[in-house]
PDB file of all heavy atoms in Angstrom:
ATOM      1  N   PRO A   1     103.040  71.916  72.247  1.00  0.00           N
ATOM      2  CA  PRO A   1     103.310  70.681  71.528  1.00  0.00           C
ATOM      3  C   PRO A   1     104.793  70.183  71.698  1.00  0.00           C
ATOM      4  O   PRO A   1     105.692  70.959  71.652  1.00  0.00           O
ATOM      5  CB  PRO A   1     103.089  71.158  70.056  1.00  0.00           C
ATOM      6  CG  PRO A   1     102.215  72.367  70.082  1.00  0.00           C
ATOM      7  CD  PRO A   1     102.640  73.014  71.381  1.00  0.00           C
ATOM      8  N   PHE A   2     104.963  68.876  71.884  1.00  0.00           N
ATOM      9  CA  PHE A   2     106.238  68.260  71.943  1.00  0.00           C
ATOM     10  C   PHE A   2     106.120  66.843  71.400  1.00  0.00           C
ATOM     11  O   PHE A   2     105.120  66.287  71.349  1.00  0.00           O
ATOM     12  CB  PHE A   2     106.737  68.398  73.368  1.00  0.00           C
ATOM     13  CG  PHE A   2     105.918  67.758  74.397  1.00  0.00           C
ATOM     14  CD1 PHE A   2     105.882  66.348  74.672  1.00  0.00           C
ATOM     15  CD2 PHE A   2     105.164  68.529  75.286  1.00  0.00           C
ATOM     16  CE1 PHE A   2     105.206  65.815  75.631  1.00  0.00           C
ATOM     17  CE2 PHE A   2     104.383  67.913  76.268  1.00  0.00           C
ATOM     18  CZ  PHE A   2     104.451  66.582  76.434  1.00  0.00           C
ATOM     19  N   ASN A   3     107.287  66.268  71.162  1.00  0.00           N
ATOM     20  CA  ASN A   3     107.350  64.945  70.592  1.00  0.00           C
ATOM     21  C   ASN A   3     107.209  63.873  71.712  1.00  0.00           C
ATOM     22  O   ASN A   3     107.481  64.020  72.880  1.00  0.00           O
ATOM     23  CB  ASN A   3     108.680  64.626  69.984  1.00  0.00           C
ATOM     24  CG  ASN A   3     108.630  65.264  68.482  1.00  0.00           C
ATOM     25  OD1 ASN A   3     107.621  65.525  67.929  1.00  0.00           O
ATOM     26  ND2 ASN A   3     109.832  65.471  67.901  1.00  0.00           N
ATOM     27  N   ALA A   4     106.721  62.741  71.217  1.00  0.00           N
ATOM     28  CA  ALA A   4     106.829  61.406  72.018  1.00  0.00           C
ATOM     29  C   ALA A   4     107.616  60.533  71.236  1.00  0.00           C
ATOM     30  O   ALA A   4     107.882  60.653  70.053  1.00  0.00           O
ATOM     31  CB  ALA A   4     105.431  60.874  72.185  1.00  0.00           C
ATOM     32  N   HIS A   5     108.176  59.377  71.888  1.00  0.00           N
ATOM     33  CA  HIS A   5     108.900  58.399  71.184  1.00  0.00           C
ATOM     34  C   HIS A   5     107.935  57.207  70.818  1.00  0.00           C
ATOM     35  O   HIS A   5     107.103  56.793  71.616  1.00  0.00           O
ATOM     36  CB  HIS A   5     109.951  57.794  72.117  1.00  0.00           C
ATOM     37  CG  HIS A   5     111.100  58.643  72.450  1.00  0.00           C
ATOM     38  ND1 HIS A   5     111.215  59.281  73.687  1.00  0.00           N
ATOM     39  CD2 HIS A   5     112.176  58.977  71.720  1.00  0.00           C
ATOM     40  CE1 HIS A   5     112.447  59.960  73.717  1.00  0.00           C
ATOM     41  NE2 HIS A   5     112.978  59.728  72.477  1.00  0.00           N
ATOM     42  N   TYR A   6     108.161  56.645  69.582  1.00  0.00           N
ATOM     43  CA  TYR A   6     107.619  55.431  69.209  1.00  0.00           C
ATOM     44  C   TYR A   6     108.893  54.624  68.726  1.00  0.00           C
ATOM     45  O   TYR A   6     110.020  55.136  68.730  1.00  0.00           O
ATOM     46  CB  TYR A   6     106.617  55.626  68.106  1.00  0.00           C
ATOM     47  CG  TYR A   6     105.523  56.520  68.572  1.00  0.00           C
ATOM     48  CD1 TYR A   6     105.521  57.968  68.382  1.00  0.00           C
ATOM     49  CD2 TYR A   6     104.468  56.023  69.350  1.00  0.00           C
ATOM     50  CE1 TYR A   6     104.579  58.745  68.750  1.00  0.00           C
ATOM     51  CE2 TYR A   6     103.373  56.924  69.824  1.00  0.00           C
ATOM     52  CZ  TYR A   6     103.478  58.223  69.642  1.00  0.00           C
ATOM     53  OH  TYR A   6     102.514  59.047  70.044  1.00  0.00           O
ATOM     54  N   CYS A   7     108.718  53.425  68.314  1.00  0.00           N
ATOM     55  CA  CYS A   7     109.849  52.567  68.042  1.00  0.00           C
ATOM     56  C   CYS A   7     109.467  51.366  67.160  1.00  0.00           C
ATOM     57  O   CYS A   7     108.400  50.919  67.169  1.00  0.00           O
ATOM     58  CB  CYS A   7     110.405  52.004  69.403  1.00  0.00           C
ATOM     59  SG  CYS A   7     111.954  51.324  69.265  1.00  0.00           S
ATOM     60  N   LYS A   8     110.513  51.103  66.319  1.00  0.00           N
ATOM     61  CA  LYS A   8     110.378  49.881  65.537  1.00  0.00           C
ATOM     62  C   LYS A   8     110.743  48.636  66.373  1.00  0.00           C
ATOM     63  O   LYS A   8     111.530  48.727  67.322  1.00  0.00           O
ATOM     64  CB  LYS A   8     111.443  49.938  64.321  1.00  0.00           C
ATOM     65  CG  LYS A   8     111.281  51.059  63.380  1.00  0.00           C
ATOM     66  CD  LYS A   8     112.464  51.164  62.518  1.00  0.00           C
ATOM     67  CE  LYS A   8     112.410  52.424  61.668  1.00  0.00           C
ATOM     68  NZ  LYS A   8     113.560  52.590  60.880  1.00  0.00           N
ATOM     69  N   PRO A   9     110.108  47.540  66.106  1.00  0.00           N
ATOM     70  CA  PRO A   9     110.393  46.266  66.880  1.00  0.00           C
ATOM     71  C   PRO A   9     111.799  45.814  66.498  1.00  0.00           C
ATOM     72  O   PRO A   9     112.398  45.907  65.405  1.00  0.00           O
ATOM     73  CB  PRO A   9     109.344  45.320  66.335  1.00  0.00           C
ATOM     74  CG  PRO A   9     108.855  45.767  65.011  1.00  0.00           C
ATOM     75  CD  PRO A   9     109.080  47.332  65.113  1.00  0.00           C
ATOM     76  N   ASN A  10     112.443  45.198  67.481  1.00  0.00           N
ATOM     77  CA  ASN A  10     113.855  44.690  67.358  1.00  0.00           C
ATOM     78  C   ASN A  10     114.001  43.607  68.342  1.00  0.00           C
ATOM     79  O   ASN A  10     113.754  43.788  69.617  1.00  0.00           O
ATOM     80  CB  ASN A  10     114.820  45.830  67.602  1.00  0.00           C
ATOM     81  CG  ASN A  10     116.257  45.414  67.213  1.00  0.00           C
ATOM     82  OD1 ASN A  10     116.638  44.331  67.474  1.00  0.00           O
ATOM     83  ND2 ASN A  10     117.058  46.321  66.697  1.00  0.00           N
ATOM     84  N   ASP A  11     114.404  42.438  67.910  1.00  0.00           N
ATOM     85  CA  ASP A  11     114.478  41.267  68.734  1.00  0.00           C
ATOM     86  C   ASP A  11     115.539  41.421  69.913  1.00  0.00           C
ATOM     87  O   ASP A  11     115.593  40.679  70.796  1.00  0.00           O
ATOM     88  CB  ASP A  11     114.823  39.983  68.014  1.00  0.00           C
ATOM     89  CG  ASP A  11     113.607  39.528  67.110  1.00  0.00           C
ATOM     90  OD1 ASP A  11     112.483  39.947  67.465  1.00  0.00           O
ATOM     91  OD2 ASP A  11     113.902  38.793  66.174  1.00  0.00           O
ATOM     92  N   ALA A  12     116.402  42.439  69.661  1.00  0.00           N
ATOM     93  CA  ALA A  12     117.454  42.693  70.740  1.00  0.00           C
ATOM     94  C   ALA A  12     116.835  43.492  71.927  1.00  0.00           C
ATOM     95  O   ALA A  12     117.526  43.436  72.970  1.00  0.00           O
ATOM     96  CB  ALA A  12     118.562  43.567  70.105  1.00  0.00           C
ATOM     97  N   GLN A  13     115.745  44.027  71.838  1.00  0.00           N
ATOM     98  CA  GLN A  13     115.127  44.681  72.976  1.00  0.00           C
ATOM     99  C   GLN A  13     114.777  43.757  74.092  1.00  0.00           C
ATOM    100  O   GLN A  13     114.263  42.632  73.831  1.00  0.00           O
ATOM    101  CB  GLN A  13     113.881  45.455  72.566  1.00  0.00           C
ATOM    102  CG  GLN A  13     114.046  46.526  71.545  1.00  0.00           C
ATOM    103  CD  GLN A  13     112.863  47.079  70.813  1.00  0.00           C
ATOM    104  OE1 GLN A  13     111.715  46.516  71.125  1.00  0.00           O
ATOM    105  NE2 GLN A  13     113.018  47.991  69.896  1.00  0.00           N
ATOM    106  N   ARG A  14     115.034  44.174  75.298  1.00  0.00           N
ATOM    107  CA  ARG A  14     114.764  43.279  76.493  1.00  0.00           C
ATOM    108  C   ARG A  14     113.661  43.884  77.265  1.00  0.00           C
ATOM    109  O   ARG A  14     113.757  44.930  77.903  1.00  0.00           O
ATOM    110  CB  ARG A  14     116.027  43.229  77.406  1.00  0.00           C
ATOM    111  CG  ARG A  14     117.211  42.543  76.725  1.00  0.00           C
ATOM    112  CD  ARG A  14     118.357  42.238  77.721  1.00  0.00           C
ATOM    113  NE  ARG A  14     118.994  43.421  78.221  1.00  0.00           N
ATOM    114  CZ  ARG A  14     119.936  44.147  77.577  1.00  0.00           C
ATOM    115  NH1 ARG A  14     120.483  43.700  76.496  1.00  0.00           N
ATOM    116  NH2 ARG A  14     120.515  45.225  78.071  1.00  0.00           N
ATOM    117  N   TRP A  15     112.553  43.214  77.129  1.00  0.00           N
ATOM    118  CA  TRP A  15     111.249  43.647  77.778  1.00  0.00           C
ATOM    119  C   TRP A  15     111.081  42.990  79.034  1.00  0.00           C
ATOM    120  O   TRP A  15     111.198  41.739  79.234  1.00  0.00           O
ATOM    121  CB  TRP A  15     110.017  43.402  76.822  1.00  0.00           C
ATOM    122  CG  TRP A  15     109.990  44.412  75.723  1.00  0.00           C
ATOM    123  CD1 TRP A  15     110.563  44.284  74.499  1.00  0.00           C
ATOM    124  CD2 TRP A  15     109.423  45.696  75.823  1.00  0.00           C
ATOM    125  NE1 TRP A  15     110.372  45.486  73.780  1.00  0.00           N
ATOM    126  CE2 TRP A  15     109.635  46.319  74.509  1.00  0.00           C
ATOM    127  CE3 TRP A  15     108.640  46.384  76.781  1.00  0.00           C
ATOM    128  CZ2 TRP A  15     109.049  47.603  74.201  1.00  0.00           C
ATOM    129  CZ3 TRP A  15     108.191  47.615  76.512  1.00  0.00           C
ATOM    130  CH2 TRP A  15     108.446  48.248  75.211  1.00  0.00           C
ATOM    131  N   ASN A  16     110.497  43.706  80.110  1.00  0.00           N
ATOM    132  CA  ASN A  16     110.393  43.272  81.454  1.00  0.00           C
ATOM    133  C   ASN A  16     108.999  43.696  82.085  1.00  0.00           C
ATOM    134  O   ASN A  16     108.454  44.671  81.639  1.00  0.00           O
ATOM    135  CB  ASN A  16     111.444  43.782  82.286  1.00  0.00           C
ATOM    136  CG  ASN A  16     112.838  43.400  81.834  1.00  0.00           C
ATOM    137  OD1 ASN A  16     113.493  42.437  82.282  1.00  0.00           O
ATOM    138  ND2 ASN A  16     113.403  44.214  80.968  1.00  0.00           N
ATOM    139  N   TYR A  17     108.568  42.975  83.019  1.00  0.00           N
ATOM    140  CA  TYR A  17     107.474  43.343  83.848  1.00  0.00           C
ATOM    141  C   TYR A  17     107.684  42.818  85.277  1.00  0.00           C
ATOM    142  O   TYR A  17     108.644  42.003  85.505  1.00  0.00           O
ATOM    143  CB  TYR A  17     106.114  42.895  83.339  1.00  0.00           C
ATOM    144  CG  TYR A  17     105.719  41.452  83.758  1.00  0.00           C
ATOM    145  CD1 TYR A  17     104.646  41.245  84.546  1.00  0.00           C
ATOM    146  CD2 TYR A  17     106.460  40.354  83.316  1.00  0.00           C
ATOM    147  CE1 TYR A  17     104.221  40.006  84.849  1.00  0.00           C
ATOM    148  CE2 TYR A  17     106.154  39.067  83.744  1.00  0.00           C
ATOM    149  CZ  TYR A  17     105.034  38.855  84.539  1.00  0.00           C
ATOM    150  OH  TYR A  17     104.600  37.635  84.876  1.00  0.00           O
ATOM    151  N   TYR A  18     106.889  43.236  86.274  1.00  0.00           N
ATOM    152  CA  TYR A  18     106.951  42.578  87.627  1.00  0.00           C
ATOM    153  C   TYR A  18     105.584  41.913  87.960  1.00  0.00           C
ATOM    154  O   TYR A  18     104.512  42.552  87.841  1.00  0.00           O
ATOM    155  CB  TYR A  18     107.283  43.730  88.625  1.00  0.00           C
ATOM    156  CG  TYR A  18     108.674  44.320  88.559  1.00  0.00           C
ATOM    157  CD1 TYR A  18     108.917  45.366  87.734  1.00  0.00           C
ATOM    158  CD2 TYR A  18     109.698  43.739  89.229  1.00  0.00           C
ATOM    159  CE1 TYR A  18     110.253  45.957  87.691  1.00  0.00           C
ATOM    160  CE2 TYR A  18     110.979  44.208  89.221  1.00  0.00           C
ATOM    161  CZ  TYR A  18     111.196  45.275  88.468  1.00  0.00           C
ATOM    162  OH  TYR A  18     112.526  45.868  88.332  1.00  0.00           O
ATOM    163  N   SER A  19     105.730  40.604  88.193  1.00  0.00           N
ATOM    164  CA  SER A  19     104.470  39.880  88.431  1.00  0.00           C
ATOM    165  C   SER A  19     103.802  40.207  89.676  1.00  0.00           C
ATOM    166  O   SER A  19     104.529  40.636  90.686  1.00  0.00           O
ATOM    167  CB  SER A  19     104.810  38.398  88.397  1.00  0.00           C
ATOM    168  OG  SER A  19     105.855  38.110  89.450  1.00  0.00           O
ATOM    169  N   ALA A  20     102.501  40.176  89.795  1.00  0.00           N
ATOM    170  CA  ALA A  20     101.725  40.286  90.910  1.00  0.00           C
ATOM    171  C   ALA A  20     102.136  41.515  91.830  1.00  0.00           C
ATOM    172  O   ALA A  20     102.298  41.501  93.007  1.00  0.00           O
ATOM    173  CB  ALA A  20     101.741  39.043  91.824  1.00  0.00           C
ATOM    174  N   MET A  21     102.181  42.729  91.143  1.00  0.00           N
ATOM    175  CA  MET A  21     102.471  43.852  91.886  1.00  0.00           C
ATOM    176  C   MET A  21     101.380  44.270  92.853  1.00  0.00           C
ATOM    177  O   MET A  21     100.195  44.055  92.544  1.00  0.00           O
ATOM    178  CB  MET A  21     102.664  45.089  90.881  1.00  0.00           C
ATOM    179  CG  MET A  21     103.942  45.203  90.223  1.00  0.00           C
ATOM    180  SD  MET A  21     104.165  46.690  89.191  1.00  0.00           S
ATOM    181  CE  MET A  21     104.010  47.949  90.472  1.00  0.00           C
ATOM    182  N   THR A  22     101.763  44.766  94.088  1.00  0.00           N
ATOM    183  CA  THR A  22     100.817  45.066  95.017  1.00  0.00           C
ATOM    184  C   THR A  22     100.801  46.614  95.245  1.00  0.00           C
ATOM    185  O   THR A  22     101.579  47.346  94.728  1.00  0.00           O
ATOM    186  CB  THR A  22     101.170  44.446  96.447  1.00  0.00           C
ATOM    187  OG1 THR A  22     102.299  45.241  96.972  1.00  0.00           O
ATOM    188  CG2 THR A  22     101.470  43.010  96.311  1.00  0.00           C
ATOM    189  N   ARG A  23      99.718  47.067  95.986  1.00  0.00           N
ATOM    190  CA  ARG A  23      99.716  48.519  96.257  1.00  0.00           C
ATOM    191  C   ARG A  23     100.870  48.988  97.049  1.00  0.00           C
ATOM    192  O   ARG A  23     101.054  50.196  97.080  1.00  0.00           O
ATOM    193  CB  ARG A  23      98.408  48.775  97.111  1.00  0.00           C
ATOM    194  CG  ARG A  23      97.112  48.619  96.311  1.00  0.00           C
ATOM    195  CD  ARG A  23      95.885  48.963  97.266  1.00  0.00           C
ATOM    196  NE  ARG A  23      94.597  49.075  96.529  1.00  0.00           N
ATOM    197  CZ  ARG A  23      93.434  49.458  97.085  1.00  0.00           C
ATOM    198  NH1 ARG A  23      93.448  49.701  98.381  1.00  0.00           N
ATOM    199  NH2 ARG A  23      92.357  49.621  96.351  1.00  0.00           N
ATOM    200  N   ASP A  24     101.567  48.151  97.670  1.00  0.00           N
ATOM    201  CA  ASP A  24     102.755  48.648  98.470  1.00  0.00           C
ATOM    202  C   ASP A  24     104.061  48.794  97.703  1.00  0.00           C
ATOM    203  O   ASP A  24     105.059  49.110  98.198  1.00  0.00           O
ATOM    204  CB  ASP A  24     103.002  47.600  99.634  1.00  0.00           C
ATOM    205  CG  ASP A  24     101.999  47.758 100.690  1.00  0.00           C
ATOM    206  OD1 ASP A  24     101.276  48.807 100.760  1.00  0.00           O
ATOM    207  OD2 ASP A  24     101.867  46.748 101.548  1.00  0.00           O
ATOM    208  N   GLU A  25     103.958  48.552  96.323  1.00  0.00           N
ATOM    209  CA  GLU A  25     105.040  48.634  95.481  1.00  0.00           C
ATOM    210  C   GLU A  25     104.949  49.727  94.390  1.00  0.00           C
ATOM    211  O   GLU A  25     103.806  49.960  93.955  1.00  0.00           O
ATOM    212  CB  GLU A  25     105.334  47.273  94.803  1.00  0.00           C
ATOM    213  CG  GLU A  25     105.598  46.073  95.744  1.00  0.00           C
ATOM    214  CD  GLU A  25     105.634  44.764  95.118  1.00  0.00           C
ATOM    215  OE1 GLU A  25     105.053  44.595  94.061  1.00  0.00           O
ATOM    216  OE2 GLU A  25     106.233  43.811  95.699  1.00  0.00           O
ATOM    217  N   ALA A  26     106.093  50.325  94.038  1.00  0.00           N
ATOM    218  CA  ALA A  26     106.079  51.348  93.042  1.00  0.00           C
ATOM    219  C   ALA A  26     107.015  51.047  91.969  1.00  0.00           C
ATOM    220  O   ALA A  26     108.269  50.724  92.260  1.00  0.00           O
ATOM    221  CB  ALA A  26     106.437  52.752  93.647  1.00  0.00           C
TER     222      ALA A  26
END
């Protein structure tokens, strides 16, 4: 057994994703 992180929402957080990822990208 070990812990995981969860989190409260905060508008200062900067969320990102990468559009249209392909199989050739990691």
